[in-house]
Amino acid sequence: MEDFIVSDLLRLNGVINAVLLDSEGFTLSIANSDVEISKDIAKVADIDVQDKGYSRITITSEKAILIIDKLDSDYRLITWCEQSCNLGMIRKNLDNAVQRLNSYLGN
């Protein structure tokens, strides 16, 4: 089920890839396995967003935008977006995806 939720994010205009990581940083699901994942992605995902009172962090770089969502199960959903994407629309869809993942992984 989580594979379907994560792969659905690729349908959003501007989303390059999405990956679901467990609490140890291991990949549980990836939307597009053809896109190379940096070995350091687990380090990026380890940013303790909830310690700061946040459940989502957005990191903007020269090449892409990374959105890190912390799930209730201590898993992380990481989404890569194009620089010119509509972040508002993507965040709205991520809210839905996070809610669905929390519901599924909580069972």
PDB file of N, CA and C in Angstrom:
ATOM      1  N   MET A   1       0.810  -1.194   0.000  1.00  0.00           N
ATOM      2  CA  MET A   1       0.000   0.000   0.000  1.00  0.00           C
ATOM      3  C   MET A   1       0.856   1.261   0.000  1.00  0.00           C
ATOM      4  N   GLU A   2       1.919   1.258   0.825  1.00  0.00           N
ATOM      5  CA  GLU A   2       2.772   2.453   0.861  1.00  0.00           C
ATOM      6  C   GLU A   2       3.418   2.724  -0.486  1.00  0.00           C
ATOM      7  N   ASP A   3       3.681   1.664  -1.276  1.00  0.00           N
ATOM      8  CA  ASP A   3       4.244   1.843  -2.617  1.00  0.00           C
ATOM      9  C   ASP A   3       3.315   2.664  -3.499  1.00  0.00           C
ATOM     10  N   PHE A   4       2.019   2.402  -3.402  1.00  0.00           N
ATOM     11  CA  PHE A   4       1.046   3.143  -4.206  1.00  0.00           C
ATOM     12  C   PHE A   4       0.967   4.603  -3.781  1.00  0.00           C
ATOM     13  N   ILE A   5       1.000   4.844  -2.493  1.00  0.00           N
ATOM     14  CA  ILE A   5       0.918   6.215  -1.987  1.00  0.00           C
ATOM     15  C   ILE A   5       2.137   7.014  -2.429  1.00  0.00           C
ATOM     16  N   VAL A   6       3.315   6.421  -2.287  1.00  0.00           N
ATOM     17  CA  VAL A   6       4.554   7.109  -2.654  1.00  0.00           C
ATOM     18  C   VAL A   6       4.630   7.306  -4.165  1.00  0.00           C
ATOM     19  N   SER A   7       4.296   6.288  -4.945  1.00  0.00           N
ATOM     20  CA  SER A   7       4.385   6.416  -6.408  1.00  0.00           C
ATOM     21  C   SER A   7       3.348   7.390  -6.958  1.00  0.00           C
ATOM     22  N   ASP A   8       2.219   7.567  -6.273  1.00  0.00           N
ATOM     23  CA  ASP A   8       1.209   8.545  -6.705  1.00  0.00           C
ATOM     24  C   ASP A   8       1.766   9.964  -6.710  1.00  0.00           C
ATOM     25  N   LEU A   9       2.764  10.222  -5.893  1.00  0.00           N
ATOM     26  CA  LEU A   9       3.342  11.570  -5.832  1.00  0.00           C
ATOM     27  C   LEU A   9       4.016  11.961  -7.146  1.00  0.00           C
ATOM     28  N   LEU A  10       4.448  10.975  -7.930  1.00  0.00           N
ATOM     29  CA  LEU A  10       5.075  11.280  -9.224  1.00  0.00           C
ATOM     30  C   LEU A  10       4.088  11.883 -10.218  1.00  0.00           C
ATOM     31  N   ARG A  11       2.816  11.718  -9.966  1.00  0.00           N
ATOM     32  CA  ARG A  11       1.796  12.294 -10.852  1.00  0.00           C
ATOM     33  C   ARG A  11       1.706  13.809 -10.710  1.00  0.00           C
ATOM     34  N   LEU A  12       2.255  14.332  -9.625  1.00  0.00           N
ATOM     35  CA  LEU A  12       2.212  15.773  -9.392  1.00  0.00           C
ATOM     36  C   LEU A  12       3.233  16.477 -10.270  1.00  0.00           C
ATOM     37  N   ASN A  13       2.807  17.517 -10.924  1.00  0.00           N
ATOM     38  CA  ASN A  13       3.698  18.297 -11.769  1.00  0.00           C
ATOM     39  C   ASN A  13       4.810  18.912 -10.910  1.00  0.00           C
ATOM     40  N   GLY A  14       6.055  18.650 -11.260  1.00  0.00           N
ATOM     41  CA  GLY A  14       7.192  19.204 -10.543  1.00  0.00           C
ATOM     42  C   GLY A  14       7.857  18.251  -9.578  1.00  0.00           C
ATOM     43  N   VAL A  15       7.231  17.100  -9.303  1.00  0.00           N
ATOM     44  CA  VAL A  15       7.838  16.114  -8.390  1.00  0.00           C
ATOM     45  C   VAL A  15       8.748  15.204  -9.208  1.00  0.00           C
ATOM     46  N   ILE A  16      10.003  15.113  -8.799  1.00  0.00           N
ATOM     47  CA  ILE A  16      11.003  14.290  -9.478  1.00  0.00           C
ATOM     48  C   ILE A  16      11.010  12.878  -8.909  1.00  0.00           C
ATOM     49  N   ASN A  17      10.946  12.782  -7.581  1.00  0.00           N
ATOM     50  CA  ASN A  17      10.994  11.479  -6.928  1.00  0.00           C
ATOM     51  C   ASN A  17      10.506  11.613  -5.493  1.00  0.00           C
ATOM     52  N   ALA A  18      10.171  10.483  -4.904  1.00  0.00           N
ATOM     53  CA  ALA A  18       9.774  10.423  -3.498  1.00  0.00           C
ATOM     54  C   ALA A  18      10.238   9.093  -2.944  1.00  0.00           C
ATOM     55  N   VAL A  19      10.625   9.099  -1.676  1.00  0.00           N
ATOM     56  CA  VAL A  19      11.101   7.877  -1.042  1.00  0.00           C
ATOM     57  C   VAL A  19      10.603   7.844   0.401  1.00  0.00           C
ATOM     58  N   LEU A  20      10.247   6.658   0.843  1.00  0.00           N
ATOM     59  CA  LEU A  20       9.834   6.441   2.225  1.00  0.00           C
ATOM     60  C   LEU A  20      10.962   5.699   2.923  1.00  0.00           C
ATOM     61  N   LEU A  21      11.478   6.296   4.008  1.00  0.00           N
ATOM     62  CA  LEU A  21      12.566   5.704   4.779  1.00  0.00           C
ATOM     63  C   LEU A  21      12.047   5.291   6.148  1.00  0.00           C
ATOM     64  N   ASP A  22      12.566   4.169   6.652  1.00  0.00           N
ATOM     65  CA  ASP A  22      12.184   3.755   7.999  1.00  0.00           C
ATOM     66  C   ASP A  22      12.987   4.547   9.023  1.00  0.00           C
ATOM     67  N   SER A  23      12.795   4.248  10.290  1.00  0.00           N
ATOM     68  CA  SER A  23      13.454   5.009  11.354  1.00  0.00           C
ATOM     69  C   SER A  23      14.968   4.847  11.363  1.00  0.00           C
ATOM     70  N   GLU A  24      15.467   3.802  10.698  1.00  0.00           N
ATOM     71  CA  GLU A  24      16.910   3.570  10.599  1.00  0.00           C
ATOM     72  C   GLU A  24      17.517   4.181   9.333  1.00  0.00           C
ATOM     73  N   GLY A  25      16.686   4.740   8.459  1.00  0.00           N
ATOM     74  CA  GLY A  25      17.166   5.342   7.217  1.00  0.00           C
ATOM     75  C   GLY A  25      17.190   4.398   6.033  1.00  0.00           C
ATOM     76  N   PHE A  26      16.611   3.210   6.186  1.00  0.00           N
ATOM     77  CA  PHE A  26      16.553   2.250   5.074  1.00  0.00           C
ATOM     78  C   PHE A  26      15.340   2.545   4.203  1.00  0.00           C
ATOM     79  N   THR A  27      15.509   2.369   2.902  1.00  0.00           N
ATOM     80  CA  THR A  27      14.443   2.641   1.946  1.00  0.00           C
ATOM     81  C   THR A  27      13.373   1.559   2.014  1.00  0.00           C
ATOM     82  N   LEU A  28      12.138   1.975   2.251  1.00  0.00           N
ATOM     83  CA  LEU A  28      11.000   1.063   2.249  1.00  0.00           C
ATOM     84  C   LEU A  28      10.276   1.096   0.907  1.00  0.00           C
ATOM     85  N   SER A  29      10.217   2.284   0.328  1.00  0.00           N
ATOM     86  CA  SER A  29       9.514   2.446  -0.936  1.00  0.00           C
ATOM     87  C   SER A  29      10.107   3.632  -1.674  1.00  0.00           C
ATOM     88  N   ILE A  30      10.245   3.474  -2.974  1.00  0.00           N
ATOM     89  CA  ILE A  30      10.739   4.565  -3.809  1.00  0.00           C
ATOM     90  C   ILE A  30       9.838   4.691  -5.023  1.00  0.00           C
ATOM     91  N   ALA A  31       9.501   5.919  -5.367  1.00  0.00           N
ATOM     92  CA  ALA A  31       8.564   6.148  -6.466  1.00  0.00           C
ATOM     93  C   ALA A  31       9.204   5.881  -7.827  1.00  0.00           C
ATOM     94  N   ASN A  32      10.424   6.336  -8.007  1.00  0.00           N
ATOM     95  CA  ASN A  32      11.101   6.195  -9.303  1.00  0.00           C
ATOM     96  C   ASN A  32      12.497   5.631  -9.060  1.00  0.00           C
ATOM     97  N   SER A  33      12.642   4.339  -9.245  1.00  0.00           N
ATOM     98  CA  SER A  33      13.936   3.697  -8.982  1.00  0.00           C
ATOM     99  C   SER A  33      14.980   4.022 -10.041  1.00  0.00           C
ATOM    100  N   ASP A  34      14.584   4.676 -11.139  1.00  0.00           N
ATOM    101  CA  ASP A  34      15.538   5.054 -12.180  1.00  0.00           C
ATOM    102  C   ASP A  34      16.351   6.289 -11.804  1.00  0.00           C
ATOM    103  N   VAL A  35      15.852   7.074 -10.857  1.00  0.00           N
ATOM    104  CA  VAL A  35      16.564   8.261 -10.408  1.00  0.00           C
ATOM    105  C   VAL A  35      17.497   7.852  -9.287  1.00  0.00           C
ATOM    106  N   GLU A  36      18.768   8.165  -9.444  1.00  0.00           N
ATOM    107  CA  GLU A  36      19.774   7.765  -8.449  1.00  0.00           C
ATOM    108  C   GLU A  36      19.556   8.501  -7.135  1.00  0.00           C
ATOM    109  N   ILE A  37      19.605   7.746  -6.061  1.00  0.00           N
ATOM    110  CA  ILE A  37      19.460   8.323  -4.719  1.00  0.00           C
ATOM    111  C   ILE A  37      20.843   8.539  -4.131  1.00  0.00           C
ATOM    112  N   SER A  38      21.037   9.703  -3.595  1.00  0.00           N
ATOM    113  CA  SER A  38      22.302   9.997  -2.941  1.00  0.00           C
ATOM    114  C   SER A  38      22.464   9.111  -1.716  1.00  0.00           C
ATOM    115  N   LYS A  39      23.692   8.666  -1.479  1.00  0.00           N
ATOM    116  CA  LYS A  39      23.975   7.853  -0.299  1.00  0.00           C
ATOM    117  C   LYS A  39      23.767   8.649   0.981  1.00  0.00           C
ATOM    118  N   ASP A  40      23.789   9.958   0.857  1.00  0.00           N
ATOM    119  CA  ASP A  40      23.651  10.811   2.032  1.00  0.00           C
ATOM    120  C   ASP A  40      22.203  11.190   2.332  1.00  0.00           C
ATOM    121  N   ILE A  41      21.258  10.626   1.581  1.00  0.00           N
ATOM    122  CA  ILE A  41      19.858  11.005   1.787  1.00  0.00           C
ATOM    123  C   ILE A  41      19.392  10.645   3.195  1.00  0.00           C
ATOM    124  N   ALA A  42      19.878   9.567   3.760  1.00  0.00           N
ATOM    125  CA  ALA A  42      19.500   9.200   5.132  1.00  0.00           C
ATOM    126  C   ALA A  42      19.984  10.256   6.120  1.00  0.00           C
ATOM    127  N   LYS A  43      21.135  10.864   5.836  1.00  0.00           N
ATOM    128  CA  LYS A  43      21.637  11.930   6.708  1.00  0.00           C
ATOM    129  C   LYS A  43      20.718  13.146   6.645  1.00  0.00           C
ATOM    130  N   VAL A  44      20.260  13.466   5.457  1.00  0.00           N
ATOM    131  CA  VAL A  44      19.328  14.581   5.304  1.00  0.00           C
ATOM    132  C   VAL A  44      18.032  14.266   6.036  1.00  0.00           C
ATOM    133  N   ALA A  45      17.582  13.042   5.917  1.00  0.00           N
ATOM    134  CA  ALA A  45      16.330  12.630   6.558  1.00  0.00           C
ATOM    135  C   ALA A  45      16.436  12.619   8.068  1.00  0.00           C
ATOM    136  N   ASP A  46      17.645  12.572   8.612  1.00  0.00           N
ATOM    137  CA  ASP A  46      17.833  12.530  10.059  1.00  0.00           C
ATOM    138  C   ASP A  46      17.656  13.886  10.732  1.00  0.00           C
ATOM    139  N   ILE A  47      17.423  14.913   9.940  1.00  0.00           N
ATOM    140  CA  ILE A  47      17.157  16.211  10.549  1.00  0.00           C
ATOM    141  C   ILE A  47      15.957  16.036  11.471  1.00  0.00           C
ATOM    142  N   ASP A  48      16.145  16.343  12.722  1.00  0.00           N
ATOM    143  CA  ASP A  48      15.092  16.086  13.707  1.00  0.00           C
ATOM    144  C   ASP A  48      14.072  17.217  13.673  1.00  0.00           C
ATOM    145  N   VAL A  49      13.124  17.100  12.737  1.00  0.00           N
ATOM    146  CA  VAL A  49      12.149  18.156  12.542  1.00  0.00           C
ATOM    147  C   VAL A  49      11.199  18.283  13.730  1.00  0.00           C
ATOM    148  N   GLN A  50      10.850  17.191  14.367  1.00  0.00           N
ATOM    149  CA  GLN A  50       9.897  17.275  15.463  1.00  0.00           C
ATOM    150  C   GLN A  50      10.525  17.850  16.723  1.00  0.00           C
ATOM    151  N   ASP A  51      11.834  17.704  16.867  1.00  0.00           N
ATOM    152  CA  ASP A  51      12.514  18.283  18.012  1.00  0.00           C
ATOM    153  C   ASP A  51      12.356  19.800  18.000  1.00  0.00           C
ATOM    154  N   LYS A  52      12.250  20.360  16.824  1.00  0.00           N
ATOM    155  CA  LYS A  52      12.080  21.802  16.662  1.00  0.00           C
ATOM    156  C   LYS A  52      10.602  22.189  16.635  1.00  0.00           C
ATOM    157  N   GLY A  53       9.706  21.210  16.731  1.00  0.00           N
ATOM    158  CA  GLY A  53       8.281  21.492  16.707  1.00  0.00           C
ATOM    159  C   GLY A  53       7.679  21.457  15.317  1.00  0.00           C
ATOM    160  N   TYR A  54       8.412  20.946  14.359  1.00  0.00           N
ATOM    161  CA  TYR A  54       7.934  20.884  12.980  1.00  0.00           C
ATOM    162  C   TYR A  54       7.735  19.431  12.552  1.00  0.00           C
ATOM    163  N   SER A  55       6.820  19.220  11.662  1.00  0.00           N
ATOM    164  CA  SER A  55       6.658  17.891  11.083  1.00  0.00           C
ATOM    165  C   SER A  55       7.116  17.876   9.626  1.00  0.00           C
ATOM    166  N   ARG A  56       7.422  19.072   9.078  1.00  0.00           N
ATOM    167  CA  ARG A  56       7.885  19.178   7.690  1.00  0.00           C
ATOM    168  C   ARG A  56       8.963  20.248   7.593  1.00  0.00           C
ATOM    169  N   ILE A  57       9.986  19.919   6.815  1.00  0.00           N
ATOM    170  CA  ILE A  57      11.054  20.879   6.527  1.00  0.00           C
ATOM    171  C   ILE A  57      11.257  20.914   5.023  1.00  0.00           C
ATOM    172  N   THR A  58      11.456  22.096   4.482  1.00  0.00           N
ATOM    173  CA  THR A  58      11.736  22.269   3.058  1.00  0.00           C
ATOM    174  C   THR A  58      13.142  22.815   2.911  1.00  0.00           C
ATOM    175  N   ILE A  59      13.944  22.142   2.101  1.00  0.00           N
ATOM    176  CA  ILE A  59      15.328  22.554   1.851  1.00  0.00           C
ATOM    177  C   ILE A  59      15.441  22.911   0.374  1.00  0.00           C
ATOM    178  N   THR A  60      15.885  24.122   0.105  1.00  0.00           N
ATOM    179  CA  THR A  60      16.038  24.584  -1.267  1.00  0.00           C
ATOM    180  C   THR A  60      17.518  24.606  -1.621  1.00  0.00           C
ATOM    181  N   SER A  61      17.857  23.968  -2.745  1.00  0.00           N
ATOM    182  CA  SER A  61      19.241  23.983  -3.230  1.00  0.00           C
ATOM    183  C   SER A  61      19.243  24.527  -4.652  1.00  0.00           C
ATOM    184  N   GLU A  62      20.428  24.564  -5.248  1.00  0.00           N
ATOM    185  CA  GLU A  62      20.544  25.057  -6.620  1.00  0.00           C
ATOM    186  C   GLU A  62      19.867  24.144  -7.628  1.00  0.00           C
ATOM    187  N   LYS A  63      19.825  22.850  -7.325  1.00  0.00           N
ATOM    188  CA  LYS A  63      19.326  21.884  -8.291  1.00  0.00           C
ATOM    189  C   LYS A  63      17.907  21.406  -8.030  1.00  0.00           C
ATOM    190  N   ALA A  64      17.485  21.414  -6.783  1.00  0.00           N
ATOM    191  CA  ALA A  64      16.166  20.852  -6.455  1.00  0.00           C
ATOM    192  C   ALA A  64      15.675  21.379  -5.118  1.00  0.00           C
ATOM    193  N   ILE A  65      14.447  21.043  -4.821  1.00  0.00           N
ATOM    194  CA  ILE A  65      13.843  21.335  -3.524  1.00  0.00           C
ATOM    195  C   ILE A  65      13.541  19.994  -2.863  1.00  0.00           C
ATOM    196  N   LEU A  66      13.977  19.830  -1.631  1.00  0.00           N
ATOM    197  CA  LEU A  66      13.699  18.620  -0.857  1.00  0.00           C
ATOM    198  C   LEU A  66      12.686  18.951   0.220  1.00  0.00           C
ATOM    199  N   ILE A  67      11.683  18.107   0.341  1.00  0.00           N
ATOM    200  CA  ILE A  67      10.697  18.262   1.397  1.00  0.00           C
ATOM    201  C   ILE A  67      10.755  17.001   2.256  1.00  0.00           C
ATOM    202  N   ILE A  68      10.991  17.178   3.547  1.00  0.00           N
ATOM    203  CA  ILE A  68      11.094  16.054   4.478  1.00  0.00           C
ATOM    204  C   ILE A  68       9.893  16.097   5.403  1.00  0.00           C
ATOM    205  N   ASP A  69       9.116  15.032   5.382  1.00  0.00           N
ATOM    206  CA  ASP A  69       7.962  14.900   6.275  1.00  0.00           C
ATOM    207  C   ASP A  69       8.240  13.792   7.271  1.00  0.00           C
ATOM    208  N   LYS A  70       8.059  14.088   8.563  1.00  0.00           N
ATOM    209  CA  LYS A  70       8.192  13.071   9.599  1.00  0.00           C
ATOM    210  C   LYS A  70       6.818  12.474   9.849  1.00  0.00           C
ATOM    211  N   LEU A  71       6.734  11.157   9.764  1.00  0.00           N
ATOM    212  CA  LEU A  71       5.476  10.465   9.985  1.00  0.00           C
ATOM    213  C   LEU A  71       5.335  10.087  11.451  1.00  0.00           C
ATOM    214  N   ASP A  72       4.127   9.728  11.845  1.00  0.00           N
ATOM    215  CA  ASP A  72       3.865   9.341  13.238  1.00  0.00           C
ATOM    216  C   ASP A  72       4.690   8.133  13.661  1.00  0.00           C
ATOM    217  N   SER A  73       4.991   7.249  12.725  1.00  0.00           N
ATOM    218  CA  SER A  73       5.721   6.015  13.024  1.00  0.00           C
ATOM    219  C   SER A  73       7.237   6.221  13.056  1.00  0.00           C
ATOM    220  N   ASP A  74       7.695   7.468  13.056  1.00  0.00           N
ATOM    221  CA  ASP A  74       9.111   7.828  13.036  1.00  0.00           C
ATOM    222  C   ASP A  74       9.757   7.531  11.683  1.00  0.00           C
ATOM    223  N   TYR A  75       8.951   7.255  10.668  1.00  0.00           N
ATOM    224  CA  TYR A  75       9.456   7.126   9.307  1.00  0.00           C
ATOM    225  C   TYR A  75       9.529   8.521   8.697  1.00  0.00           C
ATOM    226  N   ARG A  76      10.231   8.627   7.566  1.00  0.00           N
ATOM    227  CA  ARG A  76      10.354   9.898   6.866  1.00  0.00           C
ATOM    228  C   ARG A  76       9.916   9.721   5.413  1.00  0.00           C
ATOM    229  N   LEU A  77       9.187  10.688   4.902  1.00  0.00           N
ATOM    230  CA  LEU A  77       8.845  10.761   3.489  1.00  0.00           C
ATOM    231  C   LEU A  77       9.637  11.921   2.918  1.00  0.00           C
ATOM    232  N   ILE A  78      10.483  11.618   1.935  1.00  0.00           N
ATOM    233  CA  ILE A  78      11.311  12.654   1.321  1.00  0.00           C
ATOM    234  C   ILE A  78      10.877  12.805  -0.126  1.00  0.00           C
ATOM    235  N   THR A  79      10.625  14.041  -0.517  1.00  0.00           N
ATOM    236  CA  THR A  79      10.154  14.341  -1.864  1.00  0.00           C
ATOM    237  C   THR A  79      11.124  15.315  -2.520  1.00  0.00           C
ATOM    238  N   TRP A  80      11.570  14.974  -3.744  1.00  0.00           N
ATOM    239  CA  TRP A  80      12.418  15.845  -4.544  1.00  0.00           C
ATOM    240  C   TRP A  80      11.516  16.580  -5.524  1.00  0.00           C
ATOM    241  N   CYS A  81      11.712  17.894  -5.620  1.00  0.00           N
ATOM    242  CA  CYS A  81      10.897  18.696  -6.533  1.00  0.00           C
ATOM    243  C   CYS A  81      11.791  19.566  -7.408  1.00  0.00           C
ATOM    244  N   GLU A  82      11.266  19.904  -8.572  1.00  0.00           N
ATOM    245  CA  GLU A  82      11.965  20.837  -9.459  1.00  0.00           C
ATOM    246  C   GLU A  82      11.961  22.222  -8.820  1.00  0.00           C
ATOM    247  N   GLN A  83      12.952  23.033  -9.183  1.00  0.00           N
ATOM    248  CA  GLN A  83      13.058  24.388  -8.648  1.00  0.00           C
ATOM    249  C   GLN A  83      11.828  25.234  -8.959  1.00  0.00           C
ATOM    250  N   SER A  84      11.245  25.034 -10.127  1.00  0.00           N
ATOM    251  CA  SER A  84      10.149  25.886 -10.578  1.00  0.00           C
ATOM    252  C   SER A  84       8.769  25.300 -10.272  1.00  0.00           C
ATOM    253  N   CYS A  85       8.686  24.389  -9.330  1.00  0.00           N
ATOM    254  CA  CYS A  85       7.414  23.708  -9.050  1.00  0.00           C
ATOM    255  C   CYS A  85       6.461  24.603  -8.254  1.00  0.00           C
ATOM    256  N   ASN A  86       5.218  24.199  -8.222  1.00  0.00           N
ATOM    257  CA  ASN A  86       4.191  24.868  -7.432  1.00  0.00           C
ATOM    258  C   ASN A  86       4.194  24.222  -6.038  1.00  0.00           C
ATOM    259  N   LEU A  87       4.955  24.789  -5.117  1.00  0.00           N
ATOM    260  CA  LEU A  87       5.122  24.198  -3.790  1.00  0.00           C
ATOM    261  C   LEU A  87       3.813  24.115  -3.009  1.00  0.00           C
ATOM    262  N   GLY A  88       2.945  25.084  -3.183  1.00  0.00           N
ATOM    263  CA  GLY A  88       1.669  25.058  -2.480  1.00  0.00           C
ATOM    264  C   GLY A  88       0.840  23.842  -2.852  1.00  0.00           C
ATOM    265  N   MET A  89       0.767  23.560  -4.148  1.00  0.00           N
ATOM    266  CA  MET A  89       0.006  22.410  -4.618  1.00  0.00           C
ATOM    267  C   MET A  89       0.657  21.110  -4.156  1.00  0.00           C
ATOM    268  N   ILE A  90       1.976  21.049  -4.223  1.00  0.00           N
ATOM    269  CA  ILE A  90       2.685  19.843  -3.804  1.00  0.00           C
ATOM    270  C   ILE A  90       2.503  19.616  -2.306  1.00  0.00           C
ATOM    271  N   ARG A  91       2.623  20.656  -1.507  1.00  0.00           N
ATOM    272  CA  ARG A  91       2.449  20.511  -0.061  1.00  0.00           C
ATOM    273  C   ARG A  91       1.041  20.053   0.297  1.00  0.00           C
ATOM    274  N   LYS A  92       0.057  20.553  -0.411  1.00  0.00           N
ATOM    275  CA  LYS A  92      -1.329  20.126  -0.164  1.00  0.00           C
ATOM    276  C   LYS A  92      -1.472  18.623  -0.421  1.00  0.00           C
ATOM    277  N   ASN A  93      -0.890  18.148  -1.522  1.00  0.00           N
ATOM    278  CA  ASN A  93      -0.944  16.718  -1.832  1.00  0.00           C
ATOM    279  C   ASN A  93      -0.098  15.901  -0.868  1.00  0.00           C
ATOM    280  N   LEU A  94       1.005  16.459  -0.393  1.00  0.00           N
ATOM    281  CA  LEU A  94       1.823  15.767   0.599  1.00  0.00           C
ATOM    282  C   LEU A  94       1.072  15.618   1.917  1.00  0.00           C
ATOM    283  N   ASP A  95       0.283  16.618   2.283  1.00  0.00           N
ATOM    284  CA  ASP A  95      -0.534  16.506   3.504  1.00  0.00           C
ATOM    285  C   ASP A  95      -1.423  15.271   3.422  1.00  0.00           C
ATOM    286  N   ASN A  96      -2.047  15.070   2.268  1.00  0.00           N
ATOM    287  CA  ASN A  96      -2.916  13.911   2.055  1.00  0.00           C
ATOM    288  C   ASN A  96      -2.108  12.611   2.105  1.00  0.00           C
ATOM    289  N   ALA A  97      -0.945  12.591   1.440  1.00  0.00           N
ATOM    290  CA  ALA A  97      -0.103  11.391   1.417  1.00  0.00           C
ATOM    291  C   ALA A  97       0.383  11.033   2.826  1.00  0.00           C
ATOM    292  N   VAL A  98       0.792  12.033   3.595  1.00  0.00           N
ATOM    293  CA  VAL A  98       1.259  11.803   4.964  1.00  0.00           C
ATOM    294  C   VAL A  98       0.122  11.248   5.816  1.00  0.00           C
ATOM    295  N   GLN A  99      -1.066  11.794   5.670  1.00  0.00           N
ATOM    296  CA  GLN A  99      -2.216  11.305   6.419  1.00  0.00           C
ATOM    297  C   GLN A  99      -2.512   9.844   6.071  1.00  0.00           C
ATOM    298  N   ARG A 100      -2.466   9.509   4.773  1.00  0.00           N
ATOM    299  CA  ARG A 100      -2.720   8.131   4.353  1.00  0.00           C
ATOM    300  C   ARG A 100      -1.643   7.184   4.860  1.00  0.00           C
ATOM    301  N   LEU A 101      -0.371   7.612   4.791  1.00  0.00           N
ATOM    302  CA  LEU A 101       0.730   6.773   5.278  1.00  0.00           C
ATOM    303  C   LEU A 101       0.633   6.564   6.788  1.00  0.00           C
ATOM    304  N   ASN A 102       0.325   7.627   7.510  1.00  0.00           N
ATOM    305  CA  ASN A 102       0.175   7.499   8.964  1.00  0.00           C
ATOM    306  C   ASN A 102      -0.931   6.513   9.307  1.00  0.00           C
ATOM    307  N   SER A 103      -2.019   6.576   8.584  1.00  0.00           N
ATOM    308  CA  SER A 103      -3.134   5.663   8.822  1.00  0.00           C
ATOM    309  C   SER A 103      -2.738   4.230   8.508  1.00  0.00           C
ATOM    310  N   TYR A 104      -2.084   4.028   7.364  1.00  0.00           N
ATOM    311  CA  TYR A 104      -1.697   2.676   6.959  1.00  0.00           C
ATOM    312  C   TYR A 104      -0.607   2.102   7.857  1.00  0.00           C
ATOM    313  N   LEU A 105       0.426   2.868   8.136  1.00  0.00           N
ATOM    314  CA  LEU A 105       1.553   2.378   8.927  1.00  0.00           C
ATOM    315  C   LEU A 105       1.209   2.242  10.407  1.00  0.00           C
ATOM    316  N   GLY A 106       0.165   2.938  10.836  1.00  0.00           N
ATOM    317  CA  GLY A 106      -0.258   2.860  12.236  1.00  0.00           C
ATOM    318  C   GLY A 106      -1.000   1.559  12.561  1.00  0.00           C
ATOM    319  N   ASN A 107      -1.454   0.876  11.520  1.00  0.00           N
ATOM    320  CA  ASN A 107      -2.203  -0.383  11.729  1.00  0.00           C
ATOM    321  C   ASN A 107      -1.305  -1.572  11.812  1.00  0.00           C
TER     322      ASN A 107
END
